[in-house]
Protein backbone atom coordinates (compact mmCIF):
# COMPACT_ATOMS: atom_id res chain seq x y z
CA TRP A 1 10.69 22.95 31.03
CA LYS A 2 7.59 24.67 28.71
CA VAL A 3 6.00 21.27 28.52
CA PRO A 4 6.75 17.98 30.57
CA PRO A 5 8.54 15.35 29.24
CA GLN A 6 5.71 12.58 30.24
CA ASP A 7 3.16 15.18 28.17
CA VAL A 8 5.55 14.87 25.08
CA TRP A 9 6.62 11.14 24.99
CA PRO A 10 2.83 9.65 24.09
CA GLN A 11 2.56 12.17 21.24
CA GLY A 12 6.11 11.81 20.20
CA THR A 13 6.58 7.87 20.11
CA ALA A 14 3.20 7.99 18.26
CA ALA A 15 4.22 10.18 16.01
CA TYR A 16 7.66 7.87 15.17
CA ILE A 17 5.77 4.58 14.75
CA ALA A 18 3.39 6.16 12.22
CA ALA A 19 6.12 7.38 10.30
CA ILE A 20 7.85 3.84 10.67
CA ARG A 21 4.60 2.23 9.43
CA ARG A 22 4.59 4.77 6.35
CA GLY A 23 8.00 4.19 5.55
CA VAL A 24 7.67 0.12 5.94
CA HIS A 25 4.15 0.58 3.54
CA GLY A 26 6.09 2.20 0.70
CA VAL A 27 8.60 0.06 0.56
CA MET A 28 6.26 -2.49 0.36
CA LEU A 29 4.27 -0.41 -2.64
CA TYR A 30 7.55 0.04 -4.27
CA TYR A 31 8.44 -3.30 -4.17
CA SER A 32 5.28 -5.11 -5.08
CA PRO A 33 4.81 -4.68 -8.72
CA ILE A 34 8.64 -5.16 -9.29
CA ILE A 35 8.49 -8.68 -7.72
CA ALA A 36 5.07 -9.32 -9.76
CA ASN A 37 6.87 -8.41 -13.04
CA TRP A 38 9.94 -10.32 -12.02
CA MET A 39 7.94 -13.95 -11.58
CA LYS A 40 6.11 -13.63 -14.72
CA ALA A 41 9.28 -13.44 -16.57
CA GLU A 42 11.35 -15.52 -14.73
CA ALA A 43 8.70 -18.47 -13.94
CA GLU A 44 10.46 -21.51 -15.91
CA TRP A 45 7.43 -23.33 -16.62
CA ARG A 46 6.37 -23.91 -20.23
CA ASP A 47 3.01 -22.28 -20.64
CA ARG A 48 0.00 -24.07 -21.85
CA THR A 49 -2.82 -21.40 -21.17
CA GLY A 50 -0.82 -18.69 -19.88
CA ALA A 51 -3.00 -18.48 -16.80
CA ALA A 52 -1.20 -19.43 -14.61
CA ARG A 53 1.53 -16.93 -15.30
CA GLN A 54 -0.97 -14.03 -16.27
CA THR A 55 -2.22 -14.52 -12.45
CA LEU A 56 1.27 -14.70 -10.75
CA TYR A 57 0.59 -11.58 -8.23
CA THR A 58 1.69 -9.85 -5.29
CA GLU A 59 -0.63 -7.64 -2.86
CA VAL A 60 0.07 -5.06 -0.19
CA ASN A 61 -2.29 -5.38 2.61
CA PRO A 62 -3.41 -3.00 3.96
CA MET A 63 -3.74 -1.44 0.74
CA SER A 64 -3.43 2.01 2.28
CA PRO A 65 -0.87 3.43 5.08
CA ALA A 66 -3.45 5.28 6.89
CA ALA A 67 -5.28 1.82 7.55
CA VAL A 68 -1.62 -0.36 8.96
CA VAL A 69 -2.03 -0.77 12.76
CA ASN A 70 0.21 -3.88 13.74
CA GLU A 71 0.80 -5.80 10.23
CA ILE A 72 1.58 -4.78 6.98
CA GLU A 73 1.98 -8.03 4.18
CA LEU A 74 3.38 -8.07 0.88
CA ILE A 75 1.62 -11.44 -0.26
CA MET A 76 3.31 -13.19 -3.27
CA ALA A 77 0.68 -15.62 -4.85
CA HIS A 78 -0.48 -17.58 -7.71
CA GLY A 79 -3.97 -17.03 -8.98
CA VAL A 80 -4.53 -20.59 -10.49
CA ILE A 81 -5.55 -23.57 -8.27
CA HIS A 82 -2.79 -25.68 -9.66
CA GLY A 83 -0.04 -22.86 -8.31
CA TRP A 84 0.36 -25.13 -5.32
CA TRP A 85 1.90 -27.82 -7.78
CA LEU A 86 3.94 -25.28 -9.77
CA GLU A 87 5.63 -24.16 -6.20
CA GLY A 88 6.14 -27.85 -5.50
CA TYR A 89 4.09 -28.19 -2.82
CA ARG A 90 0.72 -30.59 -2.21
CA PRO A 91 -2.37 -28.30 -0.82
CA ASP A 92 -3.85 -30.87 1.63
CA SER A 93 -1.06 -31.72 3.06
CA LEU A 94 1.86 -28.99 1.98
CA SER A 95 4.07 -32.20 1.51
CA PRO A 96 6.49 -31.97 -1.14
CA THR A 97 5.41 -33.19 -4.73
CA ARG A 98 7.54 -35.40 -6.96
CA GLN A 99 8.88 -32.88 -9.36
CA GLY A 100 10.05 -30.80 -6.33
CA GLN A 101 10.42 -27.14 -6.47
CA ARG A 102 11.73 -27.23 -9.94
CA PHE A 103 8.88 -24.84 -11.24
CA ALA A 104 8.74 -22.30 -7.90
CA ILE A 105 8.81 -19.04 -8.88
CA VAL A 106 7.20 -17.45 -5.14
CA GLN A 107 10.16 -18.58 -2.72
CA PRO A 108 12.66 -17.91 -5.82
CA ALA A 109 11.32 -14.16 -5.76
CA LEU A 110 11.36 -14.04 -1.98
CA ASP A 111 15.18 -14.91 -1.64
CA ARG A 112 16.04 -12.36 -4.73
CA PHE A 113 14.18 -9.42 -3.27
CA GLY A 114 13.81 -10.20 0.48
CA PRO A 115 17.38 -8.87 1.72
CA ALA A 116 16.59 -5.68 -0.66
CA ILE A 117 13.45 -4.90 1.09
CA TRP A 118 15.18 -5.60 4.34
CA ALA A 119 17.82 -3.36 3.57
CA GLU A 120 15.75 -0.73 2.75
CA ILE A 121 13.66 -0.68 5.82
CA GLN A 122 16.80 -0.82 7.79
CA ARG A 123 17.63 2.43 6.10
CA LEU A 124 14.39 3.53 7.72
CA PHE A 125 16.23 4.05 11.21
CA ARG A 126 19.17 5.35 10.04
């Protein structure tokens, strides 16, 4: 051996993990604006002020791949207080509201884009 395996293994493992984290972060950054635009276009409620539609958003946390330690989140959310109602849940108990999920857009976005995101992540390992 020019370099004993026990000396190379930790650095190689750390580099591999960092590459995976950068890849997953890149997938999330790619899909974030696509999902936000889709939610705004496909939300089925009738706008009264436009605030609910305009403030639908996605966010990748952390923002920089350099800051990724153990978790990468793709947050999909409403920017208005009545977003809970639109999604069909009471904010105090998370129990369903009477209209159910008739106006929900976050869960349908997850259902639509989740498989594609997961497929992209799986491609990182091929």
